[in-house]
């Protein structure tokens, strides 16, 4: 796995924080953390998208962020666990892993600026 895919994973990690922050932020400090998470997440996503196929990068980013957000809501905020929800998240992750496996790891040059 190259450094650009690691950027996508870190971006998805920060996506979980800002999505949860949008729901639960209630003071200056939590909103500041949410905004910082948004900036880091999208910066890393954009940087990875310059070298990797954008469609695959975005799909992996959203899939990992969705799974992480659902898992965080269950573990930290008492969201009820439903078998159907877990199965659908597993199906989503299988699709994300499949996309990653069929995408070539060679980097592509983005548009020159």
PDB file of N, CA and C in Angstrom:
ATOM      1  N   UNK A   1       0.857  -1.170   0.000  1.00  0.00           N
ATOM      2  CA  UNK A   1       0.000   0.000   0.000  1.00  0.00           C
ATOM      3  C   UNK A   1       0.907   1.237   0.000  1.00  0.00           C
ATOM      4  N   UNK A   2       0.609   2.144  -0.909  1.00  0.00           N
ATOM      5  CA  UNK A   2       1.466   3.322  -0.998  1.00  0.00           C
ATOM      6  C   UNK A   2       0.964   4.464  -0.114  1.00  0.00           C
ATOM      7  N   UNK A   3       1.747   5.513  -0.045  1.00  0.00           N
ATOM      8  CA  UNK A   3       1.443   6.614   0.870  1.00  0.00           C
ATOM      9  C   UNK A   3       0.143   7.341   0.511  1.00  0.00           C
ATOM     10  N   UNK A   4      -0.258   7.300  -0.744  1.00  0.00           N
ATOM     11  CA  UNK A   4      -1.501   7.976  -1.120  1.00  0.00           C
ATOM     12  C   UNK A   4      -2.723   7.253  -0.566  1.00  0.00           C
ATOM     13  N   UNK A   5      -2.687   5.935  -0.514  1.00  0.00           N
ATOM     14  CA  UNK A   5      -3.799   5.198   0.092  1.00  0.00           C
ATOM     15  C   UNK A   5      -3.818   5.398   1.605  1.00  0.00           C
ATOM     16  N   UNK A   6      -2.660   5.573   2.194  1.00  0.00           N
ATOM     17  CA  UNK A   6      -2.607   5.875   3.629  1.00  0.00           C
ATOM     18  C   UNK A   6      -3.241   7.235   3.898  1.00  0.00           C
ATOM     19  N   UNK A   7      -3.030   8.192   2.995  1.00  0.00           N
ATOM     20  CA  UNK A   7      -3.683   9.499   3.116  1.00  0.00           C
ATOM     21  C   UNK A   7      -5.207   9.354   3.082  1.00  0.00           C
ATOM     22  N   UNK A   8      -5.711   8.471   2.214  1.00  0.00           N
ATOM     23  CA  UNK A   8      -7.156   8.250   2.140  1.00  0.00           C
ATOM     24  C   UNK A   8      -7.665   7.686   3.462  1.00  0.00           C
ATOM     25  N   UNK A   9      -6.936   6.736   4.043  1.00  0.00           N
ATOM     26  CA  UNK A   9      -7.358   6.142   5.314  1.00  0.00           C
ATOM     27  C   UNK A   9      -7.352   7.168   6.444  1.00  0.00           C
ATOM     28  N   UNK A  10      -6.331   8.005   6.486  1.00  0.00           N
ATOM     29  CA  UNK A  10      -6.275   9.038   7.520  1.00  0.00           C
ATOM     30  C   UNK A  10      -7.397  10.056   7.301  1.00  0.00           C
ATOM     31  N   UNK A  11      -7.660  10.391   6.047  1.00  0.00           N
ATOM     32  CA  UNK A  11      -8.753  11.320   5.735  1.00  0.00           C
ATOM     33  C   UNK A  11     -10.091  10.746   6.194  1.00  0.00           C
ATOM     34  N   UNK A  12     -10.307   9.454   5.989  1.00  0.00           N
ATOM     35  CA  UNK A  12     -11.550   8.812   6.439  1.00  0.00           C
ATOM     36  C   UNK A  12     -11.632   8.805   7.961  1.00  0.00           C
ATOM     37  N   UNK A  13     -10.495   8.612   8.624  1.00  0.00           N
ATOM     38  CA  UNK A  13     -10.452   8.653  10.088  1.00  0.00           C
ATOM     39  C   UNK A  13     -10.928  10.020  10.583  1.00  0.00           C
ATOM     40  N   UNK A  14     -10.426  11.097   9.980  1.00  0.00           N
ATOM     41  CA  UNK A  14     -10.844  12.434  10.383  1.00  0.00           C
ATOM     42  C   UNK A  14     -12.275  12.730   9.952  1.00  0.00           C
ATOM     43  N   UNK A  15     -12.750  12.063   8.907  1.00  0.00           N
ATOM     44  CA  UNK A  15     -14.146  12.237   8.495  1.00  0.00           C
ATOM     45  C   UNK A  15     -15.081  11.803   9.616  1.00  0.00           C
ATOM     46  N   UNK A  16     -14.742  10.724  10.282  1.00  0.00           N
ATOM     47  CA  UNK A  16     -15.563  10.244  11.396  1.00  0.00           C
ATOM     48  C   UNK A  16     -15.690  11.343  12.454  1.00  0.00           C
ATOM     49  N   UNK A  17     -14.587  12.012  12.765  1.00  0.00           N
ATOM     50  CA  UNK A  17     -14.616  13.065  13.782  1.00  0.00           C
ATOM     51  C   UNK A  17     -15.487  14.239  13.369  1.00  0.00           C
ATOM     52  N   UNK A  18     -15.367  14.665  12.097  1.00  0.00           N
ATOM     53  CA  UNK A  18     -16.161  15.840  11.747  1.00  0.00           C
ATOM     54  C   UNK A  18     -17.637  15.511  11.569  1.00  0.00           C
ATOM     55  N   UNK A  19     -17.951  14.310  11.142  1.00  0.00           N
ATOM     56  CA  UNK A  19     -19.367  13.937  11.023  1.00  0.00           C
ATOM     57  C   UNK A  19     -20.003  13.879  12.410  1.00  0.00           C
ATOM     58  N   UNK A  20     -19.303  13.246  13.345  1.00  0.00           N
ATOM     59  CA  UNK A  20     -19.819  13.204  14.720  1.00  0.00           C
ATOM     60  C   UNK A  20     -19.864  14.617  15.304  1.00  0.00           C
ATOM     61  N   UNK A  21     -18.850  15.429  14.993  1.00  0.00           N
ATOM     62  CA  UNK A  21     -18.835  16.805  15.473  1.00  0.00           C
ATOM     63  C   UNK A  21     -20.007  17.617  14.976  1.00  0.00           C
ATOM     64  N   UNK A  22     -20.420  17.401  13.740  1.00  0.00           N
ATOM     65  CA  UNK A  22     -21.571  18.137  13.215  1.00  0.00           C
ATOM     66  C   UNK A  22     -22.836  17.844  14.015  1.00  0.00           C
ATOM     67  N   UNK A  23     -22.927  16.640  14.552  1.00  0.00           N
ATOM     68  CA  UNK A  23     -24.112  16.272  15.336  1.00  0.00           C
ATOM     69  C   UNK A  23     -23.990  16.693  16.800  1.00  0.00           C
ATOM     70  N   UNK A  24     -22.803  16.566  17.365  1.00  0.00           N
ATOM     71  CA  UNK A  24     -22.660  16.704  18.816  1.00  0.00           C
ATOM     72  C   UNK A  24     -21.945  17.970  19.276  1.00  0.00           C
ATOM     73  N   UNK A  25     -21.382  18.771  18.389  1.00  0.00           N
ATOM     74  CA  UNK A  25     -20.663  19.977  18.815  1.00  0.00           C
ATOM     75  C   UNK A  25     -21.640  20.976  19.426  1.00  0.00           C
ATOM     76  N   UNK A  26     -21.227  21.551  20.562  1.00  0.00           N
ATOM     77  CA  UNK A  26     -22.140  22.475  21.234  1.00  0.00           C
ATOM     78  C   UNK A  26     -21.428  23.670  21.877  1.00  0.00           C
ATOM     79  N   UNK A  27     -20.130  23.789  21.664  1.00  0.00           N
ATOM     80  CA  UNK A  27     -19.415  24.960  22.169  1.00  0.00           C
ATOM     81  C   UNK A  27     -18.272  25.297  21.218  1.00  0.00           C
ATOM     82  N   UNK A  28     -17.538  26.331  21.532  1.00  0.00           N
ATOM     83  CA  UNK A  28     -16.474  26.811  20.643  1.00  0.00           C
ATOM     84  C   UNK A  28     -15.406  25.741  20.427  1.00  0.00           C
ATOM     85  N   UNK A  29     -15.029  25.026  21.484  1.00  0.00           N
ATOM     86  CA  UNK A  29     -13.955  24.037  21.370  1.00  0.00           C
ATOM     87  C   UNK A  29     -14.362  22.849  20.508  1.00  0.00           C
ATOM     88  N   UNK A  30     -15.565  22.359  20.677  1.00  0.00           N
ATOM     89  CA  UNK A  30     -15.985  21.209  19.864  1.00  0.00           C
ATOM     90  C   UNK A  30     -16.199  21.623  18.410  1.00  0.00           C
ATOM     91  N   UNK A  31     -16.686  22.852  18.179  1.00  0.00           N
ATOM     92  CA  UNK A  31     -16.818  23.327  16.800  1.00  0.00           C
ATOM     93  C   UNK A  31     -15.452  23.558  16.165  1.00  0.00           C
ATOM     94  N   UNK A  32     -14.499  24.021  16.959  1.00  0.00           N
ATOM     95  CA  UNK A  32     -13.143  24.206  16.445  1.00  0.00           C
ATOM     96  C   UNK A  32     -12.543  22.867  16.037  1.00  0.00           C
ATOM     97  N   UNK A  33     -12.702  21.854  16.875  1.00  0.00           N
ATOM     98  CA  UNK A  33     -12.223  20.511  16.539  1.00  0.00           C
ATOM     99  C   UNK A  33     -12.893  19.960  15.295  1.00  0.00           C
ATOM    100  N   UNK A  34     -14.188  20.228  15.150  1.00  0.00           N
ATOM    101  CA  UNK A  34     -14.924  19.777  13.967  1.00  0.00           C
ATOM    102  C   UNK A  34     -14.374  20.441  12.709  1.00  0.00           C
ATOM    103  N   UNK A  35     -14.135  21.728  12.763  1.00  0.00           N
ATOM    104  CA  UNK A  35     -13.618  22.456  11.595  1.00  0.00           C
ATOM    105  C   UNK A  35     -12.209  21.989  11.247  1.00  0.00           C
ATOM    106  N   UNK A  36     -11.375  21.784  12.260  1.00  0.00           N
ATOM    107  CA  UNK A  36     -10.019  21.283  12.011  1.00  0.00           C
ATOM    108  C   UNK A  36     -10.077  19.905  11.359  1.00  0.00           C
ATOM    109  N   UNK A  37     -10.985  19.057  11.822  1.00  0.00           N
ATOM    110  CA  UNK A  37     -11.137  17.719  11.231  1.00  0.00           C
ATOM    111  C   UNK A  37     -11.585  17.796   9.777  1.00  0.00           C
ATOM    112  N   UNK A  38     -12.473  18.724   9.470  1.00  0.00           N
ATOM    113  CA  UNK A  38     -12.917  18.910   8.081  1.00  0.00           C
ATOM    114  C   UNK A  38     -11.733  19.306   7.198  1.00  0.00           C
ATOM    115  N   UNK A  39     -10.951  20.264   7.659  1.00  0.00           N
ATOM    116  CA  UNK A  39      -9.820  20.755   6.876  1.00  0.00           C
ATOM    117  C   UNK A  39      -8.803  19.636   6.632  1.00  0.00           C
ATOM    118  N   UNK A  40      -8.437  18.913   7.687  1.00  0.00           N
ATOM    119  CA  UNK A  40      -7.469  17.819   7.540  1.00  0.00           C
ATOM    120  C   UNK A  40      -8.009  16.745   6.613  1.00  0.00           C
ATOM    121  N   UNK A  41      -9.258  16.369   6.814  1.00  0.00           N
ATOM    122  CA  UNK A  41      -9.866  15.303   6.024  1.00  0.00           C
ATOM    123  C   UNK A  41      -9.876  15.638   4.534  1.00  0.00           C
ATOM    124  N   UNK A  42     -10.356  16.822   4.199  1.00  0.00           N
ATOM    125  CA  UNK A  42     -10.450  17.169   2.788  1.00  0.00           C
ATOM    126  C   UNK A  42      -9.085  17.475   2.171  1.00  0.00           C
ATOM    127  N   UNK A  43      -8.173  18.017   2.956  1.00  0.00           N
ATOM    128  CA  UNK A  43      -6.833  18.248   2.433  1.00  0.00           C
ATOM    129  C   UNK A  43      -6.185  16.920   2.014  1.00  0.00           C
ATOM    130  N   UNK A  44      -6.236  15.929   2.900  1.00  0.00           N
ATOM    131  CA  UNK A  44      -5.654  14.625   2.583  1.00  0.00           C
ATOM    132  C   UNK A  44      -6.377  13.952   1.421  1.00  0.00           C
ATOM    133  N   UNK A  45      -7.700  14.101   1.365  1.00  0.00           N
ATOM    134  CA  UNK A  45      -8.474  13.524   0.258  1.00  0.00           C
ATOM    135  C   UNK A  45      -8.063  14.148  -1.071  1.00  0.00           C
ATOM    136  N   UNK A  46      -7.908  15.447  -1.092  1.00  0.00           N
ATOM    137  CA  UNK A  46      -7.500  16.139  -2.317  1.00  0.00           C
ATOM    138  C   UNK A  46      -6.090  15.729  -2.730  1.00  0.00           C
ATOM    139  N   UNK A  47      -5.189  15.645  -1.773  1.00  0.00           N
ATOM    140  CA  UNK A  47      -3.813  15.241  -2.081  1.00  0.00           C
ATOM    141  C   UNK A  47      -3.770  13.819  -2.652  1.00  0.00           C
ATOM    142  N   UNK A  48      -4.524  12.901  -2.087  1.00  0.00           N
ATOM    143  CA  UNK A  48      -4.554  11.530  -2.598  1.00  0.00           C
ATOM    144  C   UNK A  48      -5.203  11.481  -3.974  1.00  0.00           C
ATOM    145  N   UNK A  49      -6.236  12.305  -4.187  1.00  0.00           N
ATOM    146  CA  UNK A  49      -6.934  12.330  -5.466  1.00  0.00           C
ATOM    147  C   UNK A  49      -6.099  12.845  -6.615  1.00  0.00           C
ATOM    148  N   UNK A  50      -5.018  13.531  -6.312  1.00  0.00           N
ATOM    149  CA  UNK A  50      -4.124  14.012  -7.372  1.00  0.00           C
ATOM    150  C   UNK A  50      -3.300  12.886  -7.981  1.00  0.00           C
ATOM    151  N   UNK A  51      -3.096  11.818  -7.228  1.00  0.00           N
ATOM    152  CA  UNK A  51      -2.251  10.718  -7.694  1.00  0.00           C
ATOM    153  C   UNK A  51      -3.027   9.435  -7.990  1.00  0.00           C
ATOM    154  N   UNK A  52      -4.183   9.266  -7.382  1.00  0.00           N
ATOM    155  CA  UNK A  52      -4.972   8.040  -7.529  1.00  0.00           C
ATOM    156  C   UNK A  52      -6.265   8.346  -8.277  1.00  0.00           C
ATOM    157  N   UNK A  53      -6.933   7.312  -8.796  1.00  0.00           N
ATOM    158  CA  UNK A  53      -8.220   7.528  -9.474  1.00  0.00           C
ATOM    159  C   UNK A  53      -9.254   8.139  -8.522  1.00  0.00           C
ATOM    160  N   UNK A  54      -9.775   9.285  -8.881  1.00  0.00           N
ATOM    161  CA  UNK A  54     -10.625  10.061  -7.986  1.00  0.00           C
ATOM    162  C   UNK A  54     -11.895   9.303  -7.584  1.00  0.00           C
ATOM    163  N   UNK A  55     -12.526   8.628  -8.508  1.00  0.00           N
ATOM    164  CA  UNK A  55     -13.752   7.898  -8.180  1.00  0.00           C
ATOM    165  C   UNK A  55     -13.522   6.828  -7.134  1.00  0.00           C
ATOM    166  N   UNK A  56     -12.448   6.086  -7.274  1.00  0.00           N
ATOM    167  CA  UNK A  56     -12.125   5.038  -6.317  1.00  0.00           C
ATOM    168  C   UNK A  56     -11.732   5.643  -4.980  1.00  0.00           C
ATOM    169  N   UNK A  57     -10.952   6.707  -5.001  1.00  0.00           N
ATOM    170  CA  UNK A  57     -10.541   7.379  -3.767  1.00  0.00           C
ATOM    171  C   UNK A  57     -11.769   7.846  -2.997  1.00  0.00           C
ATOM    172  N   UNK A  58     -12.695   8.475  -3.692  1.00  0.00           N
ATOM    173  CA  UNK A  58     -13.883   8.997  -3.023  1.00  0.00           C
ATOM    174  C   UNK A  58     -14.750   7.866  -2.468  1.00  0.00           C
ATOM    175  N   UNK A  59     -14.911   6.798  -3.232  1.00  0.00           N
ATOM    176  CA  UNK A  59     -15.711   5.668  -2.765  1.00  0.00           C
ATOM    177  C   UNK A  59     -15.095   5.036  -1.516  1.00  0.00           C
ATOM    178  N   UNK A  60     -13.791   4.864  -1.512  1.00  0.00           N
ATOM    179  CA  UNK A  60     -13.114   4.289  -0.340  1.00  0.00           C
ATOM    180  C   UNK A  60     -13.236   5.239   0.848  1.00  0.00           C
ATOM    181  N   UNK A  61     -13.039   6.517   0.626  1.00  0.00           N
ATOM    182  CA  UNK A  61     -13.155   7.536   1.676  1.00  0.00           C
ATOM    183  C   UNK A  61     -14.547   7.515   2.310  1.00  0.00           C
ATOM    184  N   UNK A  62     -15.568   7.549   1.497  1.00  0.00           N
ATOM    185  CA  UNK A  62     -16.935   7.584   2.014  1.00  0.00           C
ATOM    186  C   UNK A  62     -17.304   6.265   2.693  1.00  0.00           C
ATOM    187  N   UNK A  63     -16.904   5.147   2.104  1.00  0.00           N
ATOM    188  CA  UNK A  63     -17.217   3.850   2.700  1.00  0.00           C
ATOM    189  C   UNK A  63     -16.569   3.673   4.061  1.00  0.00           C
ATOM    190  N   UNK A  64     -15.299   4.011   4.160  1.00  0.00           N
ATOM    191  CA  UNK A  64     -14.604   3.883   5.440  1.00  0.00           C
ATOM    192  C   UNK A  64     -15.145   4.879   6.462  1.00  0.00           C
ATOM    193  N   UNK A  65     -15.446   6.076   6.012  1.00  0.00           N
ATOM    194  CA  UNK A  65     -16.005   7.076   6.919  1.00  0.00           C
ATOM    195  C   UNK A  65     -17.375   6.686   7.425  1.00  0.00           C
ATOM    196  N   UNK A  66     -18.201   6.128   6.550  1.00  0.00           N
ATOM    197  CA  UNK A  66     -19.534   5.679   6.954  1.00  0.00           C
ATOM    198  C   UNK A  66     -19.441   4.553   7.966  1.00  0.00           C
ATOM    199  N   UNK A  67     -18.617   3.567   7.683  1.00  0.00           N
ATOM    200  CA  UNK A  67     -18.457   2.444   8.605  1.00  0.00           C
ATOM    201  C   UNK A  67     -17.910   2.928   9.949  1.00  0.00           C
ATOM    202  N   UNK A  68     -16.933   3.818   9.927  1.00  0.00           N
ATOM    203  CA  UNK A  68     -16.363   4.339  11.160  1.00  0.00           C
ATOM    204  C   UNK A  68     -17.355   5.163  11.960  1.00  0.00           C
ATOM    205  N   UNK A  69     -18.174   5.943  11.269  1.00  0.00           N
ATOM    206  CA  UNK A  69     -19.171   6.756  11.950  1.00  0.00           C
ATOM    207  C   UNK A  69     -20.226   5.881  12.615  1.00  0.00           C
ATOM    208  N   UNK A  70     -20.718   4.877  11.905  1.00  0.00           N
ATOM    209  CA  UNK A  70     -21.719   3.975  12.478  1.00  0.00           C
ATOM    210  C   UNK A  70     -21.135   3.231  13.677  1.00  0.00           C
ATOM    211  N   UNK A  71     -19.923   2.726  13.539  1.00  0.00           N
ATOM    212  CA  UNK A  71     -19.273   2.018  14.635  1.00  0.00           C
ATOM    213  C   UNK A  71     -19.070   2.941  15.844  1.00  0.00           C
ATOM    214  N   UNK A  72     -18.659   4.168  15.606  1.00  0.00           N
ATOM    215  CA  UNK A  72     -18.467   5.127  16.700  1.00  0.00           C
ATOM    216  C   UNK A  72     -19.773   5.456  17.403  1.00  0.00           C
ATOM    217  N   UNK A  73     -20.831   5.629  16.633  1.00  0.00           N
ATOM    218  CA  UNK A  73     -22.137   5.915  17.230  1.00  0.00           C
ATOM    219  C   UNK A  73     -22.594   4.760  18.120  1.00  0.00           C
ATOM    220  N   UNK A  74     -22.337   3.534  17.690  1.00  0.00           N
ATOM    221  CA  UNK A  74     -22.719   2.366  18.496  1.00  0.00           C
ATOM    222  C   UNK A  74     -21.855   2.281  19.753  1.00  0.00           C
ATOM    223  N   UNK A  75     -20.541   2.435  19.599  1.00  0.00           N
ATOM    224  CA  UNK A  75     -19.627   2.250  20.724  1.00  0.00           C
ATOM    225  C   UNK A  75     -19.656   3.399  21.728  1.00  0.00           C
ATOM    226  N   UNK A  76     -19.775   4.630  21.268  1.00  0.00           N
ATOM    227  CA  UNK A  76     -19.600   5.770  22.159  1.00  0.00           C
ATOM    228  C   UNK A  76     -20.880   6.535  22.480  1.00  0.00           C
ATOM    229  N   UNK A  77     -21.924   6.369  21.671  1.00  0.00           N
ATOM    230  CA  UNK A  77     -23.121   7.184  21.870  1.00  0.00           C
ATOM    231  C   UNK A  77     -24.391   6.367  22.078  1.00  0.00           C
ATOM    232  N   UNK A  78     -24.246   5.070  22.290  1.00  0.00           N
ATOM    233  CA  UNK A  78     -25.389   4.233  22.641  1.00  0.00           C
ATOM    234  C   UNK A  78     -26.401   3.991  21.534  1.00  0.00           C
ATOM    235  N   UNK A  79     -25.988   4.154  20.300  1.00  0.00           N
ATOM    236  CA  UNK A  79     -26.885   3.858  19.172  1.00  0.00           C
ATOM    237  C   UNK A  79     -27.208   2.362  19.208  1.00  0.00           C
ATOM    238  N   UNK A  80     -28.481   2.001  19.040  1.00  0.00           N
ATOM    239  CA  UNK A  80     -28.823   0.567  19.091  1.00  0.00           C
ATOM    240  C   UNK A  80     -28.178  -0.215  17.941  1.00  0.00           C
ATOM    241  N   UNK A  81     -27.767  -1.428  18.258  1.00  0.00           N
ATOM    242  CA  UNK A  81     -27.168  -2.311  17.257  1.00  0.00           C
ATOM    243  C   UNK A  81     -28.282  -3.106  16.599  1.00  0.00           C
ATOM    244  N   UNK A  82     -28.325  -3.037  15.283  1.00  0.00           N
ATOM    245  CA  UNK A  82     -29.311  -3.807  14.521  1.00  0.00           C
ATOM    246  C   UNK A  82     -28.556  -4.692  13.545  1.00  0.00           C
ATOM    247  N   UNK A  83     -28.968  -5.933  13.458  1.00  0.00           N
ATOM    248  CA  UNK A  83     -28.297  -6.895  12.585  1.00  0.00           C
ATOM    249  C   UNK A  83     -28.310  -6.404  11.137  1.00  0.00           C
ATOM    250  N   UNK A  84     -29.423  -5.873  10.680  1.00  0.00           N
ATOM    251  CA  UNK A  84     -29.514  -5.395   9.299  1.00  0.00           C
ATOM    252  C   UNK A  84     -28.487  -4.290   9.043  1.00  0.00           C
ATOM    253  N   UNK A  85     -28.319  -3.385  10.009  1.00  0.00           N
ATOM    254  CA  UNK A  85     -27.352  -2.290   9.856  1.00  0.00           C
ATOM    255  C   UNK A  85     -25.931  -2.845   9.760  1.00  0.00           C
ATOM    256  N   UNK A  86     -25.600  -3.795  10.615  1.00  0.00           N
ATOM    257  CA  UNK A  86     -24.265  -4.390  10.609  1.00  0.00           C
ATOM    258  C   UNK A  86     -24.007  -5.110   9.288  1.00  0.00           C
ATOM    259  N   UNK A  87     -24.989  -5.865   8.805  1.00  0.00           N
ATOM    260  CA  UNK A  87     -24.825  -6.584   7.542  1.00  0.00           C
ATOM    261  C   UNK A  87     -24.639  -5.621   6.369  1.00  0.00           C
ATOM    262  N   UNK A  88     -25.375  -4.540   6.371  1.00  0.00           N
ATOM    263  CA  UNK A  88     -25.246  -3.567   5.283  1.00  0.00           C
ATOM    264  C   UNK A  88     -23.896  -2.846   5.334  1.00  0.00           C
ATOM    265  N   UNK A  89     -23.410  -2.549   6.531  1.00  0.00           N
ATOM    266  CA  UNK A  89     -22.081  -1.936   6.654  1.00  0.00           C
ATOM    267  C   UNK A  89     -21.015  -2.914   6.160  1.00  0.00           C
ATOM    268  N   UNK A  90     -21.156  -4.203   6.503  1.00  0.00           N
ATOM    269  CA  UNK A  90     -20.208  -5.207   6.015  1.00  0.00           C
ATOM    270  C   UNK A  90     -20.247  -5.313   4.495  1.00  0.00           C
ATOM    271  N   UNK A  91     -21.434  -5.226   3.917  1.00  0.00           N
ATOM    272  CA  UNK A  91     -21.567  -5.235   2.458  1.00  0.00           C
ATOM    273  C   UNK A  91     -20.888  -4.009   1.852  1.00  0.00           C
ATOM    274  N   UNK A  92     -21.072  -2.851   2.480  1.00  0.00           N
ATOM    275  CA  UNK A  92     -20.413  -1.630   2.019  1.00  0.00           C
ATOM    276  C   UNK A  92     -18.894  -1.783   2.075  1.00  0.00           C
ATOM    277  N   UNK A  93     -18.387  -2.305   3.178  1.00  0.00           N
ATOM    278  CA  UNK A  93     -16.943  -2.504   3.306  1.00  0.00           C
ATOM    279  C   UNK A  93     -16.415  -3.508   2.290  1.00  0.00           C
ATOM    280  N   UNK A  94     -17.193  -4.543   2.001  1.00  0.00           N
ATOM    281  CA  UNK A  94     -16.774  -5.509   0.983  1.00  0.00           C
ATOM    282  C   UNK A  94     -16.644  -4.813  -0.378  1.00  0.00           C
ATOM    283  N   UNK A  95     -17.567  -3.927  -0.685  1.00  0.00           N
ATOM    284  CA  UNK A  95     -17.484  -3.171  -1.932  1.00  0.00           C
ATOM    285  C   UNK A  95     -16.279  -2.253  -1.967  1.00  0.00           C
ATOM    286  N   UNK A  96     -15.986  -1.597  -0.854  1.00  0.00           N
ATOM    287  CA  UNK A  96     -14.828  -0.706  -0.774  1.00  0.00           C
ATOM    288  C   UNK A  96     -13.538  -1.506  -0.940  1.00  0.00           C
ATOM    289  N   UNK A  97     -13.443  -2.635  -0.260  1.00  0.00           N
ATOM    290  CA  UNK A  97     -12.254  -3.479  -0.383  1.00  0.00           C
ATOM    291  C   UNK A  97     -12.117  -3.985  -1.817  1.00  0.00           C
ATOM    292  N   UNK A  98     -13.239  -4.374  -2.421  1.00  0.00           N
ATOM    293  CA  UNK A  98     -13.217  -4.822  -3.811  1.00  0.00           C
ATOM    294  C   UNK A  98     -12.718  -3.737  -4.748  1.00  0.00           C
ATOM    295  N   UNK A  99     -13.200  -2.509  -4.559  1.00  0.00           N
ATOM    296  CA  UNK A  99     -12.726  -1.397  -5.392  1.00  0.00           C
ATOM    297  C   UNK A  99     -11.230  -1.187  -5.238  1.00  0.00           C
ATOM    298  N   UNK A 100     -10.757  -1.259  -4.015  1.00  0.00           N
ATOM    299  CA  UNK A 100      -9.323  -1.072  -3.763  1.00  0.00           C
ATOM    300  C   UNK A 100      -8.519  -2.182  -4.425  1.00  0.00           C
ATOM    301  N   UNK A 101      -9.020  -3.413  -4.373  1.00  0.00           N
ATOM    302  CA  UNK A 101      -8.286  -4.542  -4.939  1.00  0.00           C
ATOM    303  C   UNK A 101      -8.211  -4.500  -6.461  1.00  0.00           C
ATOM    304  N   UNK A 102      -9.243  -3.987  -7.112  1.00  0.00           N
ATOM    305  CA  UNK A 102      -9.230  -3.967  -8.576  1.00  0.00           C
ATOM    306  C   UNK A 102      -8.612  -2.697  -9.155  1.00  0.00           C
ATOM    307  N   UNK A 103      -8.259  -1.749  -8.287  1.00  0.00           N
ATOM    308  CA  UNK A 103      -7.628  -0.514  -8.750  1.00  0.00           C
ATOM    309  C   UNK A 103      -6.119  -0.690  -8.728  1.00  0.00           C
ATOM    310  N   UNK A 104      -5.500  -0.363  -9.828  1.00  0.00           N
ATOM    311  CA  UNK A 104      -4.045  -0.476  -9.919  1.00  0.00           C
ATOM    312  C   UNK A 104      -3.404   0.517  -8.970  1.00  0.00           C
ATOM    313  N   UNK A 105      -2.280   0.113  -8.358  1.00  0.00           N
ATOM    314  CA  UNK A 105      -1.578   0.962  -7.408  1.00  0.00           C
ATOM    315  C   UNK A 105      -0.664   1.987  -8.051  1.00  0.00           C
ATOM    316  N   UNK A 106      -0.455   1.868  -9.359  1.00  0.00           N
ATOM    317  CA  UNK A 106       0.425   2.867  -9.975  1.00  0.00           C
ATOM    318  C   UNK A 106      -0.255   4.239  -9.905  1.00  0.00           C
ATOM    319  N   UNK A 107       0.516   5.228  -9.601  1.00  0.00           N
ATOM    320  CA  UNK A 107      -0.042   6.566  -9.428  1.00  0.00           C
ATOM    321  C   UNK A 107      -0.224   7.225 -10.791  1.00  0.00           C
ATOM    322  N   UNK A 108      -1.209   8.091 -10.855  1.00  0.00           N
ATOM    323  CA  UNK A 108      -1.501   8.833 -12.070  1.00  0.00           C
ATOM    324  C   UNK A 108      -1.270  10.307 -11.789  1.00  0.00           C
ATOM    325  N   UNK A 109      -0.780  11.011 -12.765  1.00  0.00           N
ATOM    326  CA  UNK A 109      -0.569  12.436 -12.611  1.00  0.00           C
ATOM    327  C   UNK A 109      -1.904  13.145 -12.756  1.00  0.00           C
ATOM    328  N   UNK A 110      -2.160  14.092 -11.873  1.00  0.00           N
ATOM    329  CA  UNK A 110      -3.357  14.909 -11.955  1.00  0.00           C
ATOM    330  C   UNK A 110      -3.171  16.004 -12.997  1.00  0.00           C
ATOM    331  N   UNK A 111      -4.160  16.839 -13.114  1.00  0.00           N
ATOM    332  CA  UNK A 111      -4.072  17.956 -14.058  1.00  0.00           C
ATOM    333  C   UNK A 111      -2.959  18.889 -13.626  1.00  0.00           C
ATOM    334  N   UNK A 112      -2.169  19.321 -14.560  1.00  0.00           N
ATOM    335  CA  UNK A 112      -1.067  20.225 -14.208  1.00  0.00           C
ATOM    336  C   UNK A 112      -1.638  21.617 -13.968  1.00  0.00           C
ATOM    337  N   UNK A 113      -1.043  22.300 -13.002  1.00  0.00           N
ATOM    338  CA  UNK A 113      -1.552  23.635 -12.685  1.00  0.00           C
ATOM    339  C   UNK A 113      -0.487  24.672 -12.822  1.00  0.00           C
TER     340      UNK A 113
END
